[in-house]
Amino acid sequence: MLTEFVWVTGLVKLLTDASLALYIVLPLLALIVIGWNVVKRLQADDHEKIKYKENMKTTLVYLVIGMTVNGFITMLLSYFPSS
């Protein structure tokens, strides 16, 4: 019985740490992708600028979805003991 509790506690701690890392990694990755699209958009022709604008919108949507899912995971993990 004790080994199952230790295993679950370790898994919860691992998932909590991964969730915390995602709070840092997701916005940084989104900033890099959006920055890259801004640079490419400045160098693009008029008909290509629409593509880069759509890429930036898509990146922001994925960031919001990722942060929302990460928040739900963090909320669910808060119901389990982590120590």
N, C-alpha and C. Protein backbone atom coordinates (compact mmCIF):
# COMPACT_ATOMS: atom_id res chain seq x y z
N MET A 1 0.82 -1.19 0.00
CA MET A 1 0.00 0.00 0.00
C MET A 1 0.87 1.26 0.00
N LEU A 2 1.95 1.22 0.75
CA LEU A 2 2.82 2.39 0.84
C LEU A 2 3.54 2.65 -0.48
N THR A 3 3.87 1.58 -1.21
CA THR A 3 4.58 1.79 -2.48
C THR A 3 3.69 2.47 -3.51
N GLU A 4 2.39 2.18 -3.50
CA GLU A 4 1.49 2.86 -4.43
C GLU A 4 1.39 4.34 -4.09
N PHE A 5 1.36 4.67 -2.80
CA PHE A 5 1.28 6.07 -2.39
C PHE A 5 2.54 6.81 -2.80
N VAL A 6 3.69 6.20 -2.61
CA VAL A 6 4.96 6.83 -2.99
C VAL A 6 5.01 7.01 -4.50
N TRP A 7 4.54 6.02 -5.25
CA TRP A 7 4.56 6.11 -6.71
C TRP A 7 3.66 7.24 -7.18
N VAL A 8 2.45 7.34 -6.62
CA VAL A 8 1.52 8.41 -7.01
C VAL A 8 2.07 9.76 -6.60
N THR A 9 2.67 9.86 -5.41
CA THR A 9 3.24 11.12 -4.96
C THR A 9 4.37 11.56 -5.88
N GLY A 10 5.22 10.62 -6.29
CA GLY A 10 6.31 10.95 -7.21
C GLY A 10 5.79 11.39 -8.57
N LEU A 11 4.74 10.72 -9.05
CA LEU A 11 4.15 11.09 -10.33
C LEU A 11 3.53 12.47 -10.27
N VAL A 12 2.84 12.77 -9.18
CA VAL A 12 2.23 14.09 -9.01
C VAL A 12 3.31 15.16 -8.97
N LYS A 13 4.40 14.90 -8.27
CA LYS A 13 5.50 15.87 -8.19
C LYS A 13 6.11 16.08 -9.58
N LEU A 14 6.31 15.01 -10.33
CA LEU A 14 6.86 15.12 -11.68
C LEU A 14 5.94 15.93 -12.59
N LEU A 15 4.65 15.65 -12.55
CA LEU A 15 3.70 16.38 -13.39
C LEU A 15 3.57 17.83 -12.96
N THR A 16 3.68 18.10 -11.67
CA THR A 16 3.63 19.48 -11.19
C THR A 16 4.84 20.26 -11.69
N ASP A 17 6.01 19.64 -11.64
CA ASP A 17 7.22 20.30 -12.15
C ASP A 17 7.13 20.53 -13.66
N ALA A 18 6.59 19.56 -14.39
CA ALA A 18 6.44 19.72 -15.83
C ALA A 18 5.44 20.82 -16.15
N SER A 19 4.38 20.91 -15.37
CA SER A 19 3.39 21.96 -15.57
C SER A 19 4.00 23.34 -15.32
N LEU A 20 4.81 23.44 -14.29
CA LEU A 20 5.49 24.71 -14.00
C LEU A 20 6.45 25.08 -15.14
N ALA A 21 7.14 24.09 -15.68
CA ALA A 21 8.04 24.36 -16.80
C ALA A 21 7.28 24.84 -18.03
N LEU A 22 6.09 24.31 -18.25
CA LEU A 22 5.29 24.75 -19.39
C LEU A 22 4.85 26.20 -19.26
N TYR A 23 4.62 26.66 -18.03
CA TYR A 23 4.28 28.07 -17.82
C TYR A 23 5.41 28.99 -18.26
N ILE A 24 6.63 28.49 -18.25
CA ILE A 24 7.78 29.28 -18.69
C ILE A 24 8.05 29.07 -20.17
N VAL A 25 8.00 27.82 -20.62
CA VAL A 25 8.39 27.48 -21.99
C VAL A 25 7.37 27.95 -23.02
N LEU A 26 6.08 27.78 -22.76
CA LEU A 26 5.07 28.13 -23.76
C LEU A 26 5.11 29.61 -24.16
N PRO A 27 5.12 30.56 -23.22
CA PRO A 27 5.19 31.96 -23.65
C PRO A 27 6.51 32.31 -24.35
N LEU A 28 7.62 31.73 -23.89
CA LEU A 28 8.90 32.01 -24.56
C LEU A 28 8.90 31.49 -25.99
N LEU A 29 8.38 30.29 -26.18
CA LEU A 29 8.30 29.73 -27.53
C LEU A 29 7.37 30.56 -28.41
N ALA A 30 6.26 31.02 -27.85
CA ALA A 30 5.34 31.86 -28.62
C ALA A 30 6.00 33.18 -29.00
N LEU A 31 6.76 33.78 -28.09
CA LEU A 31 7.47 35.03 -28.41
C LEU A 31 8.49 34.82 -29.53
N ILE A 32 9.19 33.71 -29.49
CA ILE A 32 10.18 33.43 -30.54
C ILE A 32 9.49 33.27 -31.89
N VAL A 33 8.40 32.50 -31.92
CA VAL A 33 7.69 32.26 -33.19
C VAL A 33 7.07 33.55 -33.72
N ILE A 34 6.46 34.34 -32.84
CA ILE A 34 5.85 35.60 -33.28
C ILE A 34 6.93 36.58 -33.74
N GLY A 35 8.04 36.64 -33.01
CA GLY A 35 9.14 37.51 -33.43
C GLY A 35 9.68 37.12 -34.79
N TRP A 36 9.81 35.82 -35.02
CA TRP A 36 10.28 35.33 -36.32
C TRP A 36 9.29 35.72 -37.42
N ASN A 37 8.00 35.60 -37.15
CA ASN A 37 6.98 35.96 -38.14
C ASN A 37 6.97 37.46 -38.40
N VAL A 38 7.22 38.28 -37.38
CA VAL A 38 7.28 39.73 -37.58
C VAL A 38 8.45 40.08 -38.50
N VAL A 39 9.61 39.48 -38.25
CA VAL A 39 10.78 39.74 -39.10
C VAL A 39 10.51 39.29 -40.53
N LYS A 40 9.95 38.11 -40.69
CA LYS A 40 9.64 37.61 -42.04
C LYS A 40 8.57 38.47 -42.72
N ARG A 41 7.61 38.97 -41.93
CA ARG A 41 6.54 39.79 -42.51
C ARG A 41 7.09 41.12 -43.01
N LEU A 42 8.06 41.68 -42.31
CA LEU A 42 8.67 42.94 -42.75
C LEU A 42 9.43 42.77 -44.06
N GLN A 43 9.93 41.58 -44.32
CA GLN A 43 10.70 41.32 -45.53
C GLN A 43 9.84 40.76 -46.67
N ALA A 44 8.59 40.46 -46.40
CA ALA A 44 7.74 39.77 -47.38
C ALA A 44 7.05 40.75 -48.32
N ASP A 45 6.58 40.18 -49.43
CA ASP A 45 5.76 40.95 -50.36
C ASP A 45 4.36 41.11 -49.77
N ASP A 46 3.55 41.94 -50.45
CA ASP A 46 2.21 42.23 -49.93
C ASP A 46 1.34 40.98 -49.84
N HIS A 47 1.42 40.12 -50.85
CA HIS A 47 0.56 38.94 -50.83
C HIS A 47 1.04 37.90 -49.82
N GLU A 48 2.30 37.95 -49.39
CA GLU A 48 2.81 37.01 -48.39
C GLU A 48 2.58 37.51 -46.96
N LYS A 49 2.32 38.80 -46.79
CA LYS A 49 2.15 39.35 -45.45
C LYS A 49 0.93 38.77 -44.75
N ILE A 50 -0.08 38.42 -45.51
CA ILE A 50 -1.29 37.83 -44.93
C ILE A 50 -0.97 36.49 -44.28
N LYS A 51 -0.11 35.71 -44.93
CA LYS A 51 0.26 34.41 -44.39
C LYS A 51 0.95 34.54 -43.03
N TYR A 52 1.86 35.50 -42.91
CA TYR A 52 2.58 35.68 -41.65
C TYR A 52 1.67 36.23 -40.56
N LYS A 53 0.71 37.07 -40.95
CA LYS A 53 -0.25 37.57 -39.97
C LYS A 53 -1.12 36.43 -39.44
N GLU A 54 -1.54 35.54 -40.32
CA GLU A 54 -2.32 34.38 -39.90
C GLU A 54 -1.49 33.46 -39.00
N ASN A 55 -0.20 33.31 -39.32
CA ASN A 55 0.67 32.48 -38.47
C ASN A 55 0.77 33.06 -37.06
N MET A 56 0.83 34.39 -36.95
CA MET A 56 0.90 35.02 -35.63
C MET A 56 -0.39 34.81 -34.85
N LYS A 57 -1.53 34.94 -35.54
CA LYS A 57 -2.82 34.71 -34.88
C LYS A 57 -2.94 33.26 -34.41
N THR A 58 -2.52 32.33 -35.26
CA THR A 58 -2.58 30.91 -34.90
C THR A 58 -1.69 30.61 -33.71
N THR A 59 -0.51 31.22 -33.68
CA THR A 59 0.41 31.02 -32.55
C THR A 59 -0.21 31.52 -31.26
N LEU A 60 -0.87 32.67 -31.30
CA LEU A 60 -1.52 33.20 -30.10
C LEU A 60 -2.67 32.30 -29.64
N VAL A 61 -3.42 31.77 -30.59
CA VAL A 61 -4.52 30.87 -30.24
C VAL A 61 -3.97 29.61 -29.58
N TYR A 62 -2.90 29.04 -30.16
CA TYR A 62 -2.28 27.85 -29.56
C TYR A 62 -1.71 28.15 -28.18
N LEU A 63 -1.17 29.35 -27.98
CA LEU A 63 -0.65 29.72 -26.67
C LEU A 63 -1.78 29.77 -25.64
N VAL A 64 -2.90 30.36 -26.00
CA VAL A 64 -4.04 30.43 -25.08
C VAL A 64 -4.56 29.03 -24.77
N ILE A 65 -4.67 28.19 -25.78
CA ILE A 65 -5.14 26.82 -25.56
C ILE A 65 -4.16 26.06 -24.66
N GLY A 66 -2.88 26.18 -24.94
CA GLY A 66 -1.87 25.49 -24.13
C GLY A 66 -1.86 25.95 -22.69
N MET A 67 -1.97 27.25 -22.46
CA MET A 67 -1.97 27.76 -21.10
C MET A 67 -3.25 27.36 -20.36
N THR A 68 -4.38 27.30 -21.08
CA THR A 68 -5.63 26.88 -20.46
C THR A 68 -5.57 25.41 -20.05
N VAL A 69 -5.10 24.56 -20.95
CA VAL A 69 -4.96 23.13 -20.62
C VAL A 69 -3.99 22.95 -19.47
N ASN A 70 -2.89 23.70 -19.49
CA ASN A 70 -1.91 23.61 -18.42
C ASN A 70 -2.52 24.06 -17.09
N GLY A 71 -3.36 25.06 -17.12
CA GLY A 71 -4.04 25.50 -15.90
C GLY A 71 -4.98 24.44 -15.35
N PHE A 72 -5.71 23.76 -16.24
CA PHE A 72 -6.59 22.69 -15.78
C PHE A 72 -5.79 21.53 -15.18
N ILE A 73 -4.67 21.20 -15.80
CA ILE A 73 -3.82 20.14 -15.25
C ILE A 73 -3.30 20.52 -13.87
N THR A 74 -2.86 21.77 -13.73
CA THR A 74 -2.39 22.24 -12.43
C THR A 74 -3.50 22.21 -11.40
N MET A 75 -4.70 22.58 -11.81
CA MET A 75 -5.84 22.56 -10.89
C MET A 75 -6.15 21.13 -10.45
N LEU A 76 -6.13 20.18 -11.38
CA LEU A 76 -6.38 18.79 -11.02
C LEU A 76 -5.29 18.23 -10.11
N LEU A 77 -4.04 18.62 -10.38
CA LEU A 77 -2.93 18.12 -9.56
C LEU A 77 -2.96 18.68 -8.15
N SER A 78 -3.61 19.81 -7.95
CA SER A 78 -3.65 20.39 -6.61
C SER A 78 -4.51 19.57 -5.65
N TYR A 79 -5.32 18.66 -6.17
CA TYR A 79 -6.14 17.82 -5.31
C TYR A 79 -5.38 16.63 -4.75
N PHE A 80 -4.18 16.35 -5.28
CA PHE A 80 -3.38 15.23 -4.81
C PHE A 80 -2.25 15.73 -3.93
N PRO A 81 -1.87 14.97 -2.92
CA PRO A 81 -0.73 15.40 -2.09
C PRO A 81 0.57 15.25 -2.86
N SER A 82 1.46 16.20 -2.70
CA SER A 82 2.72 16.14 -3.44
C SER A 82 3.92 15.95 -2.52
N SER A 83 3.70 15.68 -1.26
CA SER A 83 4.85 15.45 -0.38
C SER A 83 4.63 14.23 0.49
